[in-house]
């Protein structure tokens, strides 16, 4: 998940239905890990590896 700093330290590994995603953004350039932060319809936020195929879609 993402911390208050907007950086990610753990990645969600399983594909998540795109229909449940309402927003996404890349982590800041000064974060230790490059990641995408997704926000779901229920307000849940999680991080994913941008190199994963399901994230690219």
PDB file of N, CA and C in Angstrom:
ATOM      1  N   UNK A   1       0.840  -1.190   0.000  1.00  0.00           N
ATOM      2  CA  UNK A   1       0.000   0.000   0.000  1.00  0.00           C
ATOM      3  C   UNK A   1       0.875   1.239   0.000  1.00  0.00           C
ATOM      4  N   UNK A   2       0.269   2.351  -0.194  1.00  0.00           N
ATOM      5  CA  UNK A   2       1.037   3.587  -0.230  1.00  0.00           C
ATOM      6  C   UNK A   2       0.995   4.273   1.123  1.00  0.00           C
ATOM      7  N   UNK A   3       2.092   4.846   1.494  1.00  0.00           N
ATOM      8  CA  UNK A   3       2.155   5.573   2.750  1.00  0.00           C
ATOM      9  C   UNK A   3       1.675   6.998   2.565  1.00  0.00           C
ATOM     10  N   UNK A   4       1.719   7.748   3.640  1.00  0.00           N
ATOM     11  CA  UNK A   4       1.281   9.138   3.591  1.00  0.00           C
ATOM     12  C   UNK A   4       2.147   9.955   2.638  1.00  0.00           C
ATOM     13  N   UNK A   5       3.363   9.473   2.392  1.00  0.00           N
ATOM     14  CA  UNK A   5       4.285  10.194   1.525  1.00  0.00           C
ATOM     15  C   UNK A   5       3.954  10.037   0.045  1.00  0.00           C
ATOM     16  N   UNK A   6       3.046   9.106  -0.297  1.00  0.00           N
ATOM     17  CA  UNK A   6       2.717   8.860  -1.688  1.00  0.00           C
ATOM     18  C   UNK A   6       3.675   7.918  -2.375  1.00  0.00           C
ATOM     19  N   UNK A   7       4.525   7.244  -1.606  1.00  0.00           N
ATOM     20  CA  UNK A   7       5.451   6.252  -2.150  1.00  0.00           C
ATOM     21  C   UNK A   7       4.953   4.848  -1.813  1.00  0.00           C
ATOM     22  N   UNK A   8       5.359   3.884  -2.612  1.00  0.00           N
ATOM     23  CA  UNK A   8       4.931   2.500  -2.416  1.00  0.00           C
ATOM     24  C   UNK A   8       6.091   1.636  -1.939  1.00  0.00           C
ATOM     25  N   UNK A   9       5.774   0.716  -1.049  1.00  0.00           N
ATOM     26  CA  UNK A   9       6.784  -0.203  -0.540  1.00  0.00           C
ATOM     27  C   UNK A   9       6.374  -1.658  -0.716  1.00  0.00           C
ATOM     28  N   UNK A  10       5.099  -1.900  -1.035  1.00  0.00           N
ATOM     29  CA  UNK A  10       4.590  -3.241  -1.324  1.00  0.00           C
ATOM     30  C   UNK A  10       3.726  -3.140  -2.569  1.00  0.00           C
ATOM     31  N   UNK A  11       3.703  -4.223  -3.354  1.00  0.00           N
ATOM     32  CA  UNK A  11       2.928  -4.227  -4.590  1.00  0.00           C
ATOM     33  C   UNK A  11       1.826  -5.268  -4.555  1.00  0.00           C
ATOM     34  N   UNK A  12       0.653  -4.893  -5.077  1.00  0.00           N
ATOM     35  CA  UNK A  12      -0.467  -5.816  -5.259  1.00  0.00           C
ATOM     36  C   UNK A  12      -0.114  -6.690  -6.459  1.00  0.00           C
ATOM     37  N   UNK A  13      -0.102  -7.995  -6.288  1.00  0.00           N
ATOM     38  CA  UNK A  13       0.370  -8.895  -7.345  1.00  0.00           C
ATOM     39  C   UNK A  13      -0.730  -9.418  -8.261  1.00  0.00           C
ATOM     40  N   UNK A  14      -1.956  -9.526  -7.747  1.00  0.00           N
ATOM     41  CA  UNK A  14      -3.032 -10.128  -8.537  1.00  0.00           C
ATOM     42  C   UNK A  14      -3.769  -9.074  -9.352  1.00  0.00           C
ATOM     43  N   UNK A  15      -4.170  -9.422 -10.569  1.00  0.00           N
ATOM     44  CA  UNK A  15      -4.928  -8.476 -11.395  1.00  0.00           C
ATOM     45  C   UNK A  15      -6.185  -7.994 -10.669  1.00  0.00           C
ATOM     46  N   UNK A  16      -6.516  -6.744 -10.857  1.00  0.00           N
ATOM     47  CA  UNK A  16      -7.688  -6.128 -10.235  1.00  0.00           C
ATOM     48  C   UNK A  16      -8.610  -5.668 -11.354  1.00  0.00           C
ATOM     49  N   UNK A  17      -9.925  -5.907 -11.250  1.00  0.00           N
ATOM     50  CA  UNK A  17     -10.848  -5.536 -12.336  1.00  0.00           C
ATOM     51  C   UNK A  17     -10.812  -4.036 -12.643  1.00  0.00           C
ATOM     52  N   UNK A  18     -10.570  -3.712 -13.880  1.00  0.00           N
ATOM     53  CA  UNK A  18     -10.496  -2.308 -14.289  1.00  0.00           C
ATOM     54  C   UNK A  18     -11.808  -1.572 -14.020  1.00  0.00           C
ATOM     55  N   UNK A  19     -12.925  -2.291 -14.030  1.00  0.00           N
ATOM     56  CA  UNK A  19     -14.223  -1.656 -13.791  1.00  0.00           C
ATOM     57  C   UNK A  19     -14.355  -1.117 -12.370  1.00  0.00           C
ATOM     58  N   UNK A  20     -13.505  -1.579 -11.460  1.00  0.00           N
ATOM     59  CA  UNK A  20     -13.542  -1.109 -10.071  1.00  0.00           C
ATOM     60  C   UNK A  20     -12.553   0.022  -9.796  1.00  0.00           C
ATOM     61  N   UNK A  21     -11.765   0.397 -10.800  1.00  0.00           N
ATOM     62  CA  UNK A  21     -10.763   1.453 -10.639  1.00  0.00           C
ATOM     63  C   UNK A  21     -11.363   2.793 -11.053  1.00  0.00           C
ATOM     64  N   UNK A  22     -11.225   3.797 -10.196  1.00  0.00           N
ATOM     65  CA  UNK A  22     -11.746   5.127 -10.533  1.00  0.00           C
ATOM     66  C   UNK A  22     -10.636   6.128 -10.834  1.00  0.00           C
ATOM     67  N   UNK A  23      -9.422   5.837 -10.361  1.00  0.00           N
ATOM     68  CA  UNK A  23      -8.305   6.756 -10.601  1.00  0.00           C
ATOM     69  C   UNK A  23      -6.986   6.021 -10.415  1.00  0.00           C
ATOM     70  N   UNK A  24      -5.950   6.579 -11.012  1.00  0.00           N
ATOM     71  CA  UNK A  24      -4.608   6.043 -10.800  1.00  0.00           C
ATOM     72  C   UNK A  24      -3.598   7.152 -11.018  1.00  0.00           C
ATOM     73  N   UNK A  25      -2.436   6.984 -10.416  1.00  0.00           N
ATOM     74  CA  UNK A  25      -1.347   7.942 -10.632  1.00  0.00           C
ATOM     75  C   UNK A  25      -0.021   7.237 -10.403  1.00  0.00           C
ATOM     76  N   UNK A  26       1.014   7.791 -10.997  1.00  0.00           N
ATOM     77  CA  UNK A  26       2.365   7.282 -10.773  1.00  0.00           C
ATOM     78  C   UNK A  26       2.895   7.845  -9.462  1.00  0.00           C
ATOM     79  N   UNK A  27       3.787   7.102  -8.831  1.00  0.00           N
ATOM     80  CA  UNK A  27       4.438   7.621  -7.635  1.00  0.00           C
ATOM     81  C   UNK A  27       5.374   8.757  -8.033  1.00  0.00           C
ATOM     82  N   UNK A  28       5.749   9.558  -7.056  1.00  0.00           N
ATOM     83  CA  UNK A  28       6.657  10.677  -7.306  1.00  0.00           C
ATOM     84  C   UNK A  28       8.025  10.160  -7.743  1.00  0.00           C
ATOM     85  N   UNK A  29       8.759  10.994  -8.421  1.00  0.00           N
ATOM     86  CA  UNK A  29      10.080  10.605  -8.929  1.00  0.00           C
ATOM     87  C   UNK A  29      11.105  10.407  -7.819  1.00  0.00           C
ATOM     88  N   UNK A  30      10.863  10.977  -6.639  1.00  0.00           N
ATOM     89  CA  UNK A  30      11.821  10.811  -5.545  1.00  0.00           C
ATOM     90  C   UNK A  30      11.535   9.592  -4.661  1.00  0.00           C
ATOM     91  N   UNK A  31      10.552   8.780  -5.019  1.00  0.00           N
ATOM     92  CA  UNK A  31      10.255   7.549  -4.274  1.00  0.00           C
ATOM     93  C   UNK A  31      11.298   6.481  -4.602  1.00  0.00           C
ATOM     94  N   UNK A  32      11.527   5.589  -3.665  1.00  0.00           N
ATOM     95  CA  UNK A  32      12.522   4.531  -3.860  1.00  0.00           C
ATOM     96  C   UNK A  32      12.108   3.555  -4.959  1.00  0.00           C
ATOM     97  N   UNK A  33      10.792   3.323  -5.103  1.00  0.00           N
ATOM     98  CA  UNK A  33      10.289   2.368  -6.088  1.00  0.00           C
ATOM     99  C   UNK A  33       9.330   3.054  -7.045  1.00  0.00           C
ATOM    100  N   UNK A  34       9.466   2.740  -8.330  1.00  0.00           N
ATOM    101  CA  UNK A  34       8.535   3.208  -9.339  1.00  0.00           C
ATOM    102  C   UNK A  34       7.277   2.358  -9.228  1.00  0.00           C
ATOM    103  N   UNK A  35       6.108   2.977  -9.139  1.00  0.00           N
ATOM    104  CA  UNK A  35       4.865   2.230  -8.973  1.00  0.00           C
ATOM    105  C   UNK A  35       3.691   3.045  -9.490  1.00  0.00           C
ATOM    106  N   UNK A  36       2.549   2.353  -9.621  1.00  0.00           N
ATOM    107  CA  UNK A  36       1.289   2.994  -9.955  1.00  0.00           C
ATOM    108  C   UNK A  36       0.375   2.820  -8.742  1.00  0.00           C
ATOM    109  N   UNK A  37      -0.252   3.904  -8.306  1.00  0.00           N
ATOM    110  CA  UNK A  37      -1.196   3.845  -7.192  1.00  0.00           C
ATOM    111  C   UNK A  37      -2.605   3.892  -7.776  1.00  0.00           C
ATOM    112  N   UNK A  38      -3.384   2.843  -7.511  1.00  0.00           N
ATOM    113  CA  UNK A  38      -4.764   2.763  -7.985  1.00  0.00           C
ATOM    114  C   UNK A  38      -5.718   3.126  -6.854  1.00  0.00           C
ATOM    115  N   UNK A  39      -6.851   3.730  -7.207  1.00  0.00           N
ATOM    116  CA  UNK A  39      -7.917   4.006  -6.243  1.00  0.00           C
ATOM    117  C   UNK A  39      -9.180   3.317  -6.742  1.00  0.00           C
ATOM    118  N   UNK A  40      -9.836   2.552  -5.861  1.00  0.00           N
ATOM    119  CA  UNK A  40     -11.040   1.816  -6.232  1.00  0.00           C
ATOM    120  C   UNK A  40     -12.297   2.637  -5.945  1.00  0.00           C
ATOM    121  N   UNK A  41     -13.432   2.131  -6.418  1.00  0.00           N
ATOM    122  CA  UNK A  41     -14.716   2.791  -6.191  1.00  0.00           C
ATOM    123  C   UNK A  41     -15.014   2.956  -4.706  1.00  0.00           C
ATOM    124  N   UNK A  42     -14.535   2.021  -3.888  1.00  0.00           N
ATOM    125  CA  UNK A  42     -14.787   2.070  -2.442  1.00  0.00           C
ATOM    126  C   UNK A  42     -13.746   2.906  -1.694  1.00  0.00           C
ATOM    127  N   UNK A  43     -12.820   3.541  -2.434  1.00  0.00           N
ATOM    128  CA  UNK A  43     -11.833   4.403  -1.810  1.00  0.00           C
ATOM    129  C   UNK A  43     -10.561   3.703  -1.364  1.00  0.00           C
ATOM    130  N   UNK A  44     -10.452   2.407  -1.644  1.00  0.00           N
ATOM    131  CA  UNK A  44      -9.257   1.648  -1.297  1.00  0.00           C
ATOM    132  C   UNK A  44      -8.138   2.025  -2.257  1.00  0.00           C
ATOM    133  N   UNK A  45      -6.942   2.192  -1.733  1.00  0.00           N
ATOM    134  CA  UNK A  45      -5.776   2.502  -2.570  1.00  0.00           C
ATOM    135  C   UNK A  45      -4.770   1.370  -2.463  1.00  0.00           C
ATOM    136  N   UNK A  46      -4.171   1.032  -3.596  1.00  0.00           N
ATOM    137  CA  UNK A  46      -3.124   0.010  -3.581  1.00  0.00           C
ATOM    138  C   UNK A  46      -2.100   0.308  -4.654  1.00  0.00           C
ATOM    139  N   UNK A  47      -0.911  -0.238  -4.448  1.00  0.00           N
ATOM    140  CA  UNK A  47       0.207  -0.021  -5.363  1.00  0.00           C
ATOM    141  C   UNK A  47       0.414  -1.236  -6.248  1.00  0.00           C
ATOM    142  N   UNK A  48       0.879  -0.991  -7.456  1.00  0.00           N
ATOM    143  CA  UNK A  48       1.172  -2.076  -8.385  1.00  0.00           C
ATOM    144  C   UNK A  48       2.445  -1.750  -9.160  1.00  0.00           C
ATOM    145  N   UNK A  49       3.101  -2.810  -9.590  1.00  0.00           N
ATOM    146  CA  UNK A  49       4.341  -2.680 -10.363  1.00  0.00           C
ATOM    147  C   UNK A  49       3.988  -2.311 -11.801  1.00  0.00           C
ATOM    148  N   UNK A  50       4.470  -1.190 -12.310  1.00  0.00           N
ATOM    149  CA  UNK A  50       4.130  -0.782 -13.673  1.00  0.00           C
ATOM    150  C   UNK A  50       4.655  -1.732 -14.746  1.00  0.00           C
ATOM    151  N   UNK A  51       5.553  -2.635 -14.394  1.00  0.00           N
ATOM    152  CA  UNK A  51       6.071  -3.605 -15.360  1.00  0.00           C
ATOM    153  C   UNK A  51       5.147  -4.813 -15.519  1.00  0.00           C
ATOM    154  N   UNK A  52       4.199  -5.010 -14.587  1.00  0.00           N
ATOM    155  CA  UNK A  52       3.269  -6.139 -14.680  1.00  0.00           C
ATOM    156  C   UNK A  52       2.304  -5.917 -15.839  1.00  0.00           C
ATOM    157  N   UNK A  53       2.036  -6.982 -16.606  1.00  0.00           N
ATOM    158  CA  UNK A  53       1.165  -6.868 -17.779  1.00  0.00           C
ATOM    159  C   UNK A  53      -0.217  -6.317 -17.438  1.00  0.00           C
ATOM    160  N   UNK A  54      -0.814  -6.779 -16.333  1.00  0.00           N
ATOM    161  CA  UNK A  54      -2.173  -6.327 -16.000  1.00  0.00           C
ATOM    162  C   UNK A  54      -2.203  -4.842 -15.654  1.00  0.00           C
ATOM    163  N   UNK A  55      -1.106  -4.310 -15.162  1.00  0.00           N
ATOM    164  CA  UNK A  55      -1.039  -2.888 -14.819  1.00  0.00           C
ATOM    165  C   UNK A  55      -0.962  -2.048 -16.092  1.00  0.00           C
ATOM    166  N   UNK A  56      -0.250  -2.541 -17.094  1.00  0.00           N
ATOM    167  CA  UNK A  56      -0.104  -1.817 -18.362  1.00  0.00           C
ATOM    168  C   UNK A  56      -1.439  -1.644 -19.068  1.00  0.00           C
ATOM    169  N   UNK A  57      -2.351  -2.577 -18.850  1.00  0.00           N
ATOM    170  CA  UNK A  57      -3.658  -2.516 -19.513  1.00  0.00           C
ATOM    171  C   UNK A  57      -4.509  -1.457 -18.869  1.00  0.00           C
TER     172      UNK A  57
END
